[in-house]
PDB file of N, CA and C in Angstrom:
ATOM      1  N   MET A   1      15.193  54.156 101.816  1.00  0.00           N
ATOM      2  CA  MET A   1      14.826  54.637 100.495  1.00  0.00           C
ATOM      3  C   MET A   1      16.071  54.942  99.660  1.00  0.00           C
ATOM      4  N   ILE A   2      17.069  55.540 100.303  1.00  0.00           N
ATOM      5  CA  ILE A   2      18.307  55.892  99.590  1.00  0.00           C
ATOM      6  C   ILE A   2      19.497  55.349 100.374  1.00  0.00           C
ATOM      7  N   SER A   3      20.430  54.774  99.660  1.00  0.00           N
ATOM      8  CA  SER A   3      21.679  54.327 100.279  1.00  0.00           C
ATOM      9  C   SER A   3      22.655  55.503 100.269  1.00  0.00           C
ATOM     10  N   TRP A   4      22.724  56.201 101.407  1.00  0.00           N
ATOM     11  CA  TRP A   4      23.627  57.354 101.493  1.00  0.00           C
ATOM     12  C   TRP A   4      25.072  56.901 101.415  1.00  0.00           C
ATOM     13  N   GLU A   5      25.324  55.667 101.835  1.00  0.00           N
ATOM     14  CA  GLU A   5      26.673  55.118 101.711  1.00  0.00           C
ATOM     15  C   GLU A   5      27.074  55.068 100.232  1.00  0.00           C
ATOM     16  N   ARG A   6      26.164  54.596  99.377  1.00  0.00           N
ATOM     17  CA  ARG A   6      26.453  54.536  97.941  1.00  0.00           C
ATOM     18  C   ARG A   6      26.623  55.935  97.360  1.00  0.00           C
ATOM     19  N   VAL A   7      25.769  56.859  97.783  1.00  0.00           N
ATOM     20  CA  VAL A   7      25.871  58.239  97.310  1.00  0.00           C
ATOM     21  C   VAL A   7      27.237  58.812  97.668  1.00  0.00           C
ATOM     22  N   ASN A   8      27.658  58.608  98.907  1.00  0.00           N
ATOM     23  CA  ASN A   8      28.954  59.127  99.345  1.00  0.00           C
ATOM     24  C   ASN A   8      30.113  58.461  98.615  1.00  0.00           C
ATOM     25  N   GLU A   9      30.001  57.153  98.373  1.00  0.00           N
ATOM     26  CA  GLU A   9      31.039  56.449  97.610  1.00  0.00           C
ATOM     27  C   GLU A   9      31.181  57.049  96.214  1.00  0.00           C
ATOM     28  N   LEU A  10      30.053  57.237  95.566  1.00  0.00           N
ATOM     29  CA  LEU A  10      30.072  57.796  94.214  1.00  0.00           C
ATOM     30  C   LEU A  10      30.670  59.195  94.216  1.00  0.00           C
ATOM     31  N   ARG A  11      30.251  60.013  95.161  1.00  0.00           N
ATOM     32  CA  ARG A  11      30.764  61.381  95.237  1.00  0.00           C
ATOM     33  C   ARG A  11      32.273  61.377  95.480  1.00  0.00           C
ATOM     34  N   ASP A  12      32.737  60.475  96.346  1.00  0.00           N
ATOM     35  CA  ASP A  12      34.173  60.381  96.617  1.00  0.00           C
ATOM     36  C   ASP A  12      34.939  59.860  95.407  1.00  0.00           C
ATOM     37  N   GLU A  13      34.341  58.924  94.676  1.00  0.00           N
ATOM     38  CA  GLU A  13      35.003  58.339  93.507  1.00  0.00           C
ATOM     39  C   GLU A  13      35.193  59.351  92.384  1.00  0.00           C
ATOM     40  N   VAL A  14      34.162  60.150  92.121  1.00  0.00           N
ATOM     41  CA  VAL A  14      34.212  61.021  90.954  1.00  0.00           C
ATOM     42  C   VAL A  14      34.515  62.480  91.283  1.00  0.00           C
ATOM     43  N   GLY A  15      34.416  62.863  92.545  1.00  0.00           N
ATOM     44  CA  GLY A  15      34.618  64.263  92.919  1.00  0.00           C
ATOM     45  C   GLY A  15      33.314  65.032  92.790  1.00  0.00           C
ATOM     46  N   ILE A  16      33.220  66.135  93.498  1.00  0.00           N
ATOM     47  CA  ILE A  16      31.953  66.867  93.573  1.00  0.00           C
ATOM     48  C   ILE A  16      31.494  67.416  92.225  1.00  0.00           C
ATOM     49  N   GLU A  17      32.391  67.935  91.414  1.00  0.00           N
ATOM     50  CA  GLU A  17      31.974  68.489  90.116  1.00  0.00           C
ATOM     51  C   GLU A  17      31.439  67.403  89.197  1.00  0.00           C
ATOM     52  N   ASP A  18      32.150  66.282  89.096  1.00  0.00           N
ATOM     53  CA  ASP A  18      31.667  65.180  88.261  1.00  0.00           C
ATOM     54  C   ASP A  18      30.428  64.546  88.870  1.00  0.00           C
ATOM     55  N   PHE A  19      30.336  64.555  90.189  1.00  0.00           N
ATOM     56  CA  PHE A  19      29.155  64.031  90.855  1.00  0.00           C
ATOM     57  C   PHE A  19      27.915  64.794  90.408  1.00  0.00           C
ATOM     58  N   ARG A  20      28.024  66.100  90.354  1.00  0.00           N
ATOM     59  CA  ARG A  20      26.892  66.912  89.888  1.00  0.00           C
ATOM     60  C   ARG A  20      26.477  66.503  88.470  1.00  0.00           C
ATOM     61  N   GLU A  21      27.466  66.276  87.617  1.00  0.00           N
ATOM     62  CA  GLU A  21      27.171  65.864  86.241  1.00  0.00           C
ATOM     63  C   GLU A  21      26.501  64.493  86.204  1.00  0.00           C
ATOM     64  N   VAL A  22      26.990  63.569  87.029  1.00  0.00           N
ATOM     65  CA  VAL A  22      26.410  62.224  87.087  1.00  0.00           C
ATOM     66  C   VAL A  22      24.958  62.307  87.550  1.00  0.00           C
ATOM     67  N   VAL A  23      24.708  63.100  88.582  1.00  0.00           N
ATOM     68  CA  VAL A  23      23.338  63.258  89.082  1.00  0.00           C
ATOM     69  C   VAL A  23      22.446  63.857  88.000  1.00  0.00           C
ATOM     70  N   ALA A  24      22.905  64.915  87.363  1.00  0.00           N
ATOM     71  CA  ALA A  24      22.105  65.554  86.318  1.00  0.00           C
ATOM     72  C   ALA A  24      21.820  64.584  85.184  1.00  0.00           C
ATOM     73  N   MET A  25      22.816  63.809  84.774  1.00  0.00           N
ATOM     74  CA  MET A  25      22.641  62.842  83.702  1.00  0.00           C
ATOM     75  C   MET A  25      21.658  61.752  84.129  1.00  0.00           C
ATOM     76  N   PHE A  26      21.805  61.252  85.346  1.00  0.00           N
ATOM     77  CA  PHE A  26      20.902  60.240  85.869  1.00  0.00           C
ATOM     78  C   PHE A  26      19.460  60.726  85.829  1.00  0.00           C
ATOM     79  N   LEU A  27      19.230  61.889  86.394  1.00  0.00           N
ATOM     80  CA  LEU A  27      17.869  62.413  86.454  1.00  0.00           C
ATOM     81  C   LEU A  27      17.289  62.619  85.055  1.00  0.00           C
ATOM     82  N   GLU A  28      18.081  63.160  84.175  1.00  0.00           N
ATOM     83  CA  GLU A  28      17.606  63.416  82.812  1.00  0.00           C
ATOM     84  C   GLU A  28      17.269  62.111  82.083  1.00  0.00           C
ATOM     85  N   GLU A  29      18.178  61.137  82.142  1.00  0.00           N
ATOM     86  CA  GLU A  29      17.959  59.884  81.426  1.00  0.00           C
ATOM     87  C   GLU A  29      16.778  59.102  82.004  1.00  0.00           C
ATOM     88  N   VAL A  30      16.674  59.078  83.326  1.00  0.00           N
ATOM     89  CA  VAL A  30      15.563  58.368  83.954  1.00  0.00           C
ATOM     90  C   VAL A  30      14.241  59.038  83.590  1.00  0.00           C
ATOM     91  N   GLU A  31      14.210  60.354  83.696  1.00  0.00           N
ATOM     92  CA  GLU A  31      12.964  61.060  83.405  1.00  0.00           C
ATOM     93  C   GLU A  31      12.596  60.972  81.929  1.00  0.00           C
ATOM     94  N   ASP A  32      13.576  61.021  81.044  1.00  0.00           N
ATOM     95  CA  ASP A  32      13.293  60.849  79.612  1.00  0.00           C
ATOM     96  C   ASP A  32      12.689  59.467  79.350  1.00  0.00           C
ATOM     97  N   THR A  33      13.242  58.455  79.984  1.00  0.00           N
ATOM     98  CA  THR A  33      12.735  57.097  79.810  1.00  0.00           C
ATOM     99  C   THR A  33      11.306  56.981  80.335  1.00  0.00           C
ATOM    100  N   MET A  34      11.054  57.552  81.507  1.00  0.00           N
ATOM    101  CA  MET A  34       9.707  57.476  82.076  1.00  0.00           C
ATOM    102  C   MET A  34       8.696  58.239  81.220  1.00  0.00           C
ATOM    103  N   VAL A  35       9.087  59.388  80.703  1.00  0.00           N
ATOM    104  CA  VAL A  35       8.185  60.157  79.827  1.00  0.00           C
ATOM    105  C   VAL A  35       7.852  59.341  78.582  1.00  0.00           C
ATOM    106  N   ARG A  36       8.854  58.718  77.988  1.00  0.00           N
ATOM    107  CA  ARG A  36       8.613  57.880  76.806  1.00  0.00           C
ATOM    108  C   ARG A  36       7.696  56.716  77.154  1.00  0.00           C
ATOM    109  N   MET A  37       7.901  56.103  78.321  1.00  0.00           N
ATOM    110  CA  MET A  37       7.072  54.966  78.721  1.00  0.00           C
ATOM    111  C   MET A  37       5.609  55.368  78.884  1.00  0.00           C
ATOM    112  N   ILE A  38       5.385  56.592  79.319  1.00  0.00           N
ATOM    113  CA  ILE A  38       4.014  57.091  79.478  1.00  0.00           C
ATOM    114  C   ILE A  38       3.431  57.490  78.119  1.00  0.00           C
ATOM    115  N   ALA A  39       4.223  58.200  77.331  1.00  0.00           N
ATOM    116  CA  ALA A  39       3.743  58.723  76.053  1.00  0.00           C
ATOM    117  C   ALA A  39       3.519  57.617  75.020  1.00  0.00           C
ATOM    118  N   VAL A  40       4.403  56.635  75.009  1.00  0.00           N
ATOM    119  CA  VAL A  40       4.341  55.554  74.026  1.00  0.00           C
ATOM    120  C   VAL A  40       4.469  54.214  74.755  1.00  0.00           C
ATOM    121  N   PRO A  41       3.396  53.796  75.440  1.00  0.00           N
ATOM    122  CA  PRO A  41       3.470  52.531  76.180  1.00  0.00           C
ATOM    123  C   PRO A  41       3.794  51.357  75.249  1.00  0.00           C
ATOM    124  N   ASP A  42       4.760  50.547  75.658  1.00  0.00           N
ATOM    125  CA  ASP A  42       5.172  49.401  74.851  1.00  0.00           C
ATOM    126  C   ASP A  42       5.597  48.288  75.812  1.00  0.00           C
ATOM    127  N   LEU A  43       4.678  47.392  76.115  1.00  0.00           N
ATOM    128  CA  LEU A  43       4.966  46.316  77.063  1.00  0.00           C
ATOM    129  C   LEU A  43       6.092  45.404  76.579  1.00  0.00           C
ATOM    130  N   SER A  44       6.323  45.364  75.266  1.00  0.00           N
ATOM    131  CA  SER A  44       7.406  44.528  74.753  1.00  0.00           C
ATOM    132  C   SER A  44       8.783  45.078  75.136  1.00  0.00           C
ATOM    133  N   ARG A  45       8.855  46.357  75.504  1.00  0.00           N
ATOM    134  CA  ARG A  45      10.123  46.978  75.926  1.00  0.00           C
ATOM    135  C   ARG A  45      10.237  47.103  77.441  1.00  0.00           C
ATOM    136  N   LEU A  46       9.207  46.669  78.163  1.00  0.00           N
ATOM    137  CA  LEU A  46       9.166  46.921  79.596  1.00  0.00           C
ATOM    138  C   LEU A  46      10.331  46.279  80.340  1.00  0.00           C
ATOM    139  N   GLU A  47      10.669  45.051  80.012  1.00  0.00           N
ATOM    140  CA  GLU A  47      11.791  44.396  80.682  1.00  0.00           C
ATOM    141  C   GLU A  47      13.068  45.204  80.492  1.00  0.00           C
ATOM    142  N   GLU A  48      13.328  45.633  79.272  1.00  0.00           N
ATOM    143  CA  GLU A  48      14.516  46.434  78.959  1.00  0.00           C
ATOM    144  C   GLU A  48      14.490  47.781  79.703  1.00  0.00           C
ATOM    145  N   ASP A  49      13.342  48.435  79.707  1.00  0.00           N
ATOM    146  CA  ASP A  49      13.220  49.723  80.392  1.00  0.00           C
ATOM    147  C   ASP A  49      13.430  49.572  81.897  1.00  0.00           C
ATOM    148  N   MET A  50      12.836  48.543  82.486  1.00  0.00           N
ATOM    149  CA  MET A  50      12.989  48.313  83.926  1.00  0.00           C
ATOM    150  C   MET A  50      14.445  48.010  84.268  1.00  0.00           C
ATOM    151  N   HIS A  51      15.116  47.253  83.399  1.00  0.00           N
ATOM    152  CA  HIS A  51      16.533  46.952  83.620  1.00  0.00           C
ATOM    153  C   HIS A  51      17.364  48.237  83.600  1.00  0.00           C
ATOM    154  N   PHE A  52      17.112  49.092  82.641  1.00  0.00           N
ATOM    155  CA  PHE A  52      17.834  50.360  82.547  1.00  0.00           C
ATOM    156  C   PHE A  52      17.582  51.226  83.789  1.00  0.00           C
ATOM    157  N   LEU A  53      16.315  51.364  84.163  1.00  0.00           N
ATOM    158  CA  LEU A  53      15.984  52.196  85.319  1.00  0.00           C
ATOM    159  C   LEU A  53      16.587  51.618  86.593  1.00  0.00           C
ATOM    160  N   LYS A  54      16.562  50.302  86.734  1.00  0.00           N
ATOM    161  CA  LYS A  54      17.149  49.648  87.905  1.00  0.00           C
ATOM    162  C   LYS A  54      18.644  49.958  88.007  1.00  0.00           C
ATOM    163  N   GLY A  55      19.346  49.817  86.909  1.00  0.00           N
ATOM    164  CA  GLY A  55      20.785  50.079  86.919  1.00  0.00           C
ATOM    165  C   GLY A  55      21.105  51.524  87.232  1.00  0.00           C
ATOM    166  N   SER A  56      20.348  52.427  86.662  1.00  0.00           N
ATOM    167  CA  SER A  56      20.551  53.848  86.947  1.00  0.00           C
ATOM    168  C   SER A  56      20.305  54.134  88.417  1.00  0.00           C
ATOM    169  N   ALA A  57      19.242  53.566  88.950  1.00  0.00           N
ATOM    170  CA  ALA A  57      18.898  53.784  90.353  1.00  0.00           C
ATOM    171  C   ALA A  57      19.981  53.252  91.279  1.00  0.00           C
ATOM    172  N   LEU A  58      20.502  52.081  90.983  1.00  0.00           N
ATOM    173  CA  LEU A  58      21.546  51.499  91.826  1.00  0.00           C
ATOM    174  C   LEU A  58      22.821  52.340  91.814  1.00  0.00           C
ATOM    175  N   ASN A  59      23.146  52.897  90.663  1.00  0.00           N
ATOM    176  CA  ASN A  59      24.349  53.730  90.569  1.00  0.00           C
ATOM    177  C   ASN A  59      24.295  54.925  91.503  1.00  0.00           C
ATOM    178  N   LEU A  60      23.108  55.461  91.711  1.00  0.00           N
ATOM    179  CA  LEU A  60      22.971  56.652  92.538  1.00  0.00           C
ATOM    180  C   LEU A  60      22.432  56.357  93.930  1.00  0.00           C
ATOM    181  N   GLY A  61      22.142  55.104  94.231  1.00  0.00           N
ATOM    182  CA  GLY A  61      21.715  54.741  95.566  1.00  0.00           C
ATOM    183  C   GLY A  61      20.225  54.859  95.825  1.00  0.00           C
ATOM    184  N   PHE A  62      19.411  54.929  94.793  1.00  0.00           N
ATOM    185  CA  PHE A  62      17.953  54.989  94.960  1.00  0.00           C
ATOM    186  C   PHE A  62      17.444  53.553  95.160  1.00  0.00           C
ATOM    187  N   LEU A  63      17.548  53.052  96.383  1.00  0.00           N
ATOM    188  CA  LEU A  63      17.292  51.642  96.665  1.00  0.00           C
ATOM    189  C   LEU A  63      15.850  51.207  96.428  1.00  0.00           C
ATOM    190  N   GLN A  64      14.901  51.907  97.006  1.00  0.00           N
ATOM    191  CA  GLN A  64      13.506  51.507  96.856  1.00  0.00           C
ATOM    192  C   GLN A  64      13.099  51.515  95.378  1.00  0.00           C
ATOM    193  N   PHE A  65      13.475  52.547  94.684  1.00  0.00           N
ATOM    194  CA  PHE A  65      13.176  52.659  93.258  1.00  0.00           C
ATOM    195  C   PHE A  65      13.794  51.483  92.495  1.00  0.00           C
ATOM    196  N   SER A  66      15.044  51.151  92.802  1.00  0.00           N
ATOM    197  CA  SER A  66      15.713  50.053  92.101  1.00  0.00           C
ATOM    198  C   SER A  66      15.032  48.724  92.396  1.00  0.00           C
ATOM    199  N   GLU A  67      14.574  48.522  93.633  1.00  0.00           N
ATOM    200  CA  GLU A  67      13.902  47.273  93.989  1.00  0.00           C
ATOM    201  C   GLU A  67      12.583  47.125  93.225  1.00  0.00           C
ATOM    202  N   LEU A  68      11.839  48.212  93.095  1.00  0.00           N
ATOM    203  CA  LEU A  68      10.589  48.166  92.338  1.00  0.00           C
ATOM    204  C   LEU A  68      10.864  47.912  90.859  1.00  0.00           C
ATOM    205  N   CYS A  69      11.916  48.524  90.335  1.00  0.00           N
ATOM    206  CA  CYS A  69      12.282  48.288  88.931  1.00  0.00           C
ATOM    207  C   CYS A  69      12.709  46.840  88.717  1.00  0.00           C
ATOM    208  N   GLN A  70      13.430  46.282  89.683  1.00  0.00           N
ATOM    209  CA  GLN A  70      13.846  44.881  89.569  1.00  0.00           C
ATOM    210  C   GLN A  70      12.631  43.959  89.562  1.00  0.00           C
ATOM    211  N   ALA A  71      11.674  44.233  90.432  1.00  0.00           N
ATOM    212  CA  ALA A  71      10.454  43.425  90.455  1.00  0.00           C
ATOM    213  C   ALA A  71       9.706  43.554  89.125  1.00  0.00           C
ATOM    214  N   GLY A  72       9.662  44.776  88.574  1.00  0.00           N
ATOM    215  CA  GLY A  72       9.020  44.987  87.278  1.00  0.00           C
ATOM    216  C   GLY A  72       9.748  44.271  86.167  1.00  0.00           C
ATOM    217  N   GLU A  73      11.063  44.296  86.222  1.00  0.00           N
ATOM    218  CA  GLU A  73      11.879  43.599  85.223  1.00  0.00           C
ATOM    219  C   GLU A  73      11.591  42.098  85.262  1.00  0.00           C
ATOM    220  N   LYS A  74      11.547  41.531  86.464  1.00  0.00           N
ATOM    221  CA  LYS A  74      11.283  40.094  86.602  1.00  0.00           C
ATOM    222  C   LYS A  74       9.881  39.743  86.111  1.00  0.00           C
ATOM    223  N   ALA A  75       8.912  40.573  86.453  1.00  0.00           N
ATOM    224  CA  ALA A  75       7.542  40.314  86.004  1.00  0.00           C
ATOM    225  C   ALA A  75       7.466  40.351  84.480  1.00  0.00           C
ATOM    226  N   ALA A  76       8.085  41.349  83.889  1.00  0.00           N
ATOM    227  CA  ALA A  76       8.068  41.465  82.426  1.00  0.00           C
ATOM    228  C   ALA A  76       8.781  40.280  81.781  1.00  0.00           C
ATOM    229  N   ALA A  77       9.898  39.864  82.370  1.00  0.00           N
ATOM    230  CA  ALA A  77      10.637  38.720  81.831  1.00  0.00           C
ATOM    231  C   ALA A  77       9.808  37.442  81.931  1.00  0.00           C
ATOM    232  N   GLY A  78       8.935  37.390  82.928  1.00  0.00           N
ATOM    233  CA  GLY A  78       8.087  36.220  83.120  1.00  0.00           C
ATOM    234  C   GLY A  78       6.763  36.291  82.378  1.00  0.00           C
ATOM    235  N   GLY A  79       6.640  37.239  81.456  1.00  0.00           N
ATOM    236  CA  GLY A  79       5.435  37.346  80.665  1.00  0.00           C
ATOM    237  C   GLY A  79       4.277  38.042  81.363  1.00  0.00           C
ATOM    238  N   GLN A  80       4.586  38.760  82.438  1.00  0.00           N
ATOM    239  CA  GLN A  80       3.539  39.443  83.199  1.00  0.00           C
ATOM    240  C   GLN A  80       3.742  40.957  83.208  1.00  0.00           C
ATOM    241  N   ALA A  81       4.139  41.497  82.079  1.00  0.00           N
ATOM    242  CA  ALA A  81       4.393  42.939  81.985  1.00  0.00           C
ATOM    243  C   ALA A  81       3.149  43.745  82.328  1.00  0.00           C
ATOM    244  N   ASP A  82       1.987  43.200  82.029  1.00  0.00           N
ATOM    245  CA  ASP A  82       0.747  43.929  82.285  1.00  0.00           C
ATOM    246  C   ASP A  82       0.423  44.048  83.769  1.00  0.00           C
ATOM    247  N   THR A  83       1.157  43.359  84.643  1.00  0.00           N
ATOM    248  CA  THR A  83       0.923  43.448  86.085  1.00  0.00           C
ATOM    249  C   THR A  83       1.818  44.468  86.770  1.00  0.00           C
ATOM    250  N   VAL A  84       2.757  45.033  86.037  1.00  0.00           N
ATOM    251  CA  VAL A  84       3.717  45.979  86.621  1.00  0.00           C
ATOM    252  C   VAL A  84       3.012  47.303  86.901  1.00  0.00           C
ATOM    253  N   ASP A  85       3.137  47.768  88.142  1.00  0.00           N
ATOM    254  CA  ASP A  85       2.495  49.017  88.570  1.00  0.00           C
ATOM    255  C   ASP A  85       3.449  50.186  88.328  1.00  0.00           C
ATOM    256  N   LEU A  86       3.358  50.753  87.131  1.00  0.00           N
ATOM    257  CA  LEU A  86       4.249  51.856  86.777  1.00  0.00           C
ATOM    258  C   LEU A  86       4.017  53.079  87.653  1.00  0.00           C
ATOM    259  N   ASP A  87       2.779  53.315  88.061  1.00  0.00           N
ATOM    260  CA  ASP A  87       2.510  54.459  88.938  1.00  0.00           C
ATOM    261  C   ASP A  87       3.308  54.347  90.231  1.00  0.00           C
ATOM    262  N   GLU A  88       3.325  53.164  90.824  1.00  0.00           N
ATOM    263  CA  GLU A  88       4.081  52.955  92.061  1.00  0.00           C
ATOM    264  C   GLU A  88       5.575  53.180  91.826  1.00  0.00           C
ATOM    265  N   ILE A  89       6.070  52.692  90.717  1.00  0.00           N
ATOM    266  CA  ILE A  89       7.488  52.845  90.386  1.00  0.00           C
ATOM    267  C   ILE A  89       7.834  54.314  90.182  1.00  0.00           C
ATOM    268  N   PHE A  90       7.011  55.025  89.423  1.00  0.00           N
ATOM    269  CA  PHE A  90       7.277  56.437  89.152  1.00  0.00           C
ATOM    270  C   PHE A  90       7.135  57.283  90.414  1.00  0.00           C
ATOM    271  N   GLU A  91       6.185  56.930  91.282  1.00  0.00           N
ATOM    272  CA  GLU A  91       6.025  57.645  92.552  1.00  0.00           C
ATOM    273  C   GLU A  91       7.229  57.426  93.458  1.00  0.00           C
ATOM    274  N   SER A  92       7.775  56.215  93.436  1.00  0.00           N
ATOM    275  CA  SER A  92       8.973  55.926  94.228  1.00  0.00           C
ATOM    276  C   SER A  92      10.148  56.769  93.739  1.00  0.00           C
ATOM    277  N   TYR A  93      10.268  56.908  92.427  1.00  0.00           N
ATOM    278  CA  TYR A  93      11.326  57.755  91.879  1.00  0.00           C
ATOM    279  C   TYR A  93      11.156  59.191  92.360  1.00  0.00           C
ATOM    280  N   ALA A  94       9.942  59.710  92.258  1.00  0.00           N
ATOM    281  CA  ALA A  94       9.679  61.094  92.659  1.00  0.00           C
ATOM    282  C   ALA A  94       9.989  61.298  94.140  1.00  0.00           C
ATOM    283  N   ALA A  95       9.613  60.344  94.969  1.00  0.00           N
ATOM    284  CA  ALA A  95       9.889  60.450  96.407  1.00  0.00           C
ATOM    285  C   ALA A  95      11.389  60.381  96.670  1.00  0.00           C
ATOM    286  N   SER A  96      12.074  59.477  95.989  1.00  0.00           N
ATOM    287  CA  SER A  96      13.523  59.352  96.155  1.00  0.00           C
ATOM    288  C   SER A  96      14.232  60.629  95.718  1.00  0.00           C
ATOM    289  N   LYS A  97      13.802  61.176  94.600  1.00  0.00           N
ATOM    290  CA  LYS A  97      14.401  62.409  94.097  1.00  0.00           C
ATOM    291  C   LYS A  97      14.186  63.552  95.092  1.00  0.00           C
ATOM    292  N   SER A  98      13.019  63.607  95.683  1.00  0.00           N
ATOM    293  CA  SER A  98      12.715  64.650  96.660  1.00  0.00           C
ATOM    294  C   SER A  98      13.613  64.541  97.888  1.00  0.00           C
ATOM    295  N   VAL A  99      13.758  63.336  98.425  1.00  0.00           N
ATOM    296  CA  VAL A  99      14.618  63.116  99.593  1.00  0.00           C
ATOM    297  C   VAL A  99      16.061  63.453  99.236  1.00  0.00           C
ATOM    298  N   PHE A 100      16.496  63.005  98.080  1.00  0.00           N
ATOM    299  CA  PHE A 100      17.861  63.265  97.626  1.00  0.00           C
ATOM    300  C   PHE A 100      18.097  64.773  97.486  1.00  0.00           C
ATOM    301  N   SER A 101      17.147  65.468  96.878  1.00  0.00           N
ATOM    302  CA  SER A 101      17.283  66.906  96.650  1.00  0.00           C
ATOM    303  C   SER A 101      17.316  67.704  97.951  1.00  0.00           C
ATOM    304  N   LYS A 102      16.605  67.223  98.964  1.00  0.00           N
ATOM    305  CA  LYS A 102      16.633  67.907 100.263  1.00  0.00           C
ATOM    306  C   LYS A 102      18.015  67.847 100.884  1.00  0.00           C
ATOM    307  N   LYS A 103      18.700  66.726 100.686  1.00  0.00           N
ATOM    308  CA  LYS A 103      20.051  66.589 101.239  1.00  0.00           C
ATOM    309  C   LYS A 103      21.088  67.302 100.373  1.00  0.00           C
ATOM    310  N   PHE A 104      20.898  67.229  99.069  1.00  0.00           N
ATOM    311  CA  PHE A 104      21.819  67.855  98.123  1.00  0.00           C
ATOM    312  C   PHE A 104      21.068  68.921  97.346  1.00  0.00           C
ATOM    313  N   GLY A 105      20.731  70.009  97.994  1.00  0.00           N
ATOM    314  CA  GLY A 105      19.935  71.072  97.374  1.00  0.00           C
ATOM    315  C   GLY A 105      20.506  71.559  96.062  1.00  0.00           C
ATOM    316  N   CYS A 106      21.809  71.498  95.926  1.00  0.00           N
ATOM    317  CA  CYS A 106      22.458  71.949  94.688  1.00  0.00           C
ATOM    318  C   CYS A 106      22.244  70.969  93.568  1.00  0.00           C
ATOM    319  N   MET A 107      21.630  69.829  93.812  1.00  0.00           N
ATOM    320  CA  MET A 107      21.473  68.777  92.801  1.00  0.00           C
ATOM    321  C   MET A 107      20.104  68.828  92.151  1.00  0.00           C
ATOM    322  N   LYS A 108      19.356  69.887  92.280  1.00  0.00           N
ATOM    323  CA  LYS A 108      18.001  69.929  91.764  1.00  0.00           C
ATOM    324  C   LYS A 108      17.941  70.029  90.245  1.00  0.00           C
ATOM    325  N   ALA A 109      19.051  70.266  89.609  1.00  0.00           N
ATOM    326  CA  ALA A 109      19.069  70.409  88.150  1.00  0.00           C
ATOM    327  C   ALA A 109      18.598  69.118  87.491  1.00  0.00           C
ATOM    328  N   ALA A 110      18.039  69.282  86.312  1.00  0.00           N
ATOM    329  CA  ALA A 110      17.586  68.191  85.432  1.00  0.00           C
ATOM    330  C   ALA A 110      16.164  67.818  85.661  1.00  0.00           C
TER     331      ALA A 110
END
């Protein structure tokens, strides 16, 4: 579900203080995007939204979430945006965030 190797690489690259900021920014931006997607559904933006979420997920090592976003991005690019299961994608994010937060309890912000 999570690439701890990627998480550790990122933490080593930026240092613990900046790592906290990166995590907080990631969580905030991802959650803001998901809230907008729910509040104002727009299938014409789905490919772009999935691409953004995929990239954010990969940066922090949320592998399962990124894979689902990639599949959603491909479906939307292929004209099948209406087949993308946003509930599954959002649930994967929530599960990934929960697992991540258990390991990094100090990262619950955002």
